[in-house]
Amino acid sequence: QKLLYMHHNPVMRGLVLEPGQWRWSSFRHYAYGERGPVLVNEQRPRGEMKIRVA
């Protein structure tokens, strides 16, 4: 639930249309396994994260 809030915060603020568009978001890492400018240190396997991709 925290990830959902964090990833949608730039959308709710009107900065981007979709979570994956925010450059500093980890959304694309969790949703697609892509590497971004910020490294993510996962404590759980990616498959256990619940990220909805529309």
Protein backbone atom coordinates (compact mmCIF):
# COMPACT_ATOMS: atom_id res chain seq x y z
CA GLN A 1 0.00 0.00 0.00
CA LYS A 2 2.91 2.36 0.68
CA LEU A 3 4.34 1.65 -2.77
CA LEU A 4 0.99 2.43 -4.36
CA TYR A 5 0.84 5.77 -2.53
CA MET A 6 4.45 6.67 -3.40
CA HIS A 7 4.09 5.74 -7.06
CA HIS A 8 0.83 7.65 -7.53
CA ASN A 9 1.90 10.77 -5.64
CA PRO A 10 3.36 12.56 -8.74
CA VAL A 11 0.15 11.67 -10.63
CA MET A 12 -2.08 13.07 -7.87
CA ARG A 13 0.01 16.27 -7.85
CA GLY A 14 -0.45 16.69 -11.61
CA LEU A 15 3.26 16.34 -12.40
CA VAL A 16 2.80 13.35 -14.74
CA LEU A 17 -0.09 11.39 -16.24
CA GLU A 18 1.18 7.92 -15.27
CA PRO A 19 3.45 6.70 -12.42
CA GLY A 20 6.06 5.34 -14.83
CA GLN A 21 6.61 8.81 -16.30
CA TRP A 22 8.12 10.21 -13.09
CA ARG A 23 11.89 10.01 -13.56
CA TRP A 24 12.73 9.38 -9.90
CA SER A 25 10.06 6.72 -9.33
CA SER A 26 10.79 3.06 -8.66
CA PHE A 27 7.49 2.14 -10.36
CA ARG A 28 9.10 0.85 -13.58
CA HIS A 29 11.48 -1.30 -11.52
CA TYR A 30 8.68 -3.05 -9.65
CA ALA A 31 6.25 -3.22 -12.57
CA TYR A 32 8.63 -4.18 -15.39
CA GLY A 33 11.98 -5.02 -13.80
CA GLU A 34 13.63 -2.04 -15.50
CA ARG A 35 16.64 -0.33 -14.00
CA GLY A 36 16.31 3.39 -13.34
CA PRO A 37 18.45 6.24 -12.02
CA VAL A 38 17.80 5.18 -8.41
CA LEU A 39 18.92 1.69 -7.36
CA VAL A 40 16.32 -0.36 -5.48
CA ASN A 41 17.41 -2.70 -2.69
CA GLU A 42 14.61 -5.26 -2.53
CA GLN A 43 13.96 -7.22 0.63
CA ARG A 44 11.36 -9.39 -1.09
CA PRO A 45 11.39 -10.97 -4.54
CA ARG A 46 9.80 -8.73 -7.21
CA GLY A 47 7.01 -11.28 -7.77
CA GLU A 48 5.71 -10.68 -4.24
CA MET A 49 5.19 -6.96 -4.85
CA LYS A 50 1.66 -6.05 -5.87
CA ILE A 51 1.95 -3.41 -8.57
CA ARG A 52 -1.00 -2.89 -10.89
CA VAL A 53 -0.15 -1.94 -14.45
CA ALA A 54 -3.02 -0.45 -16.42
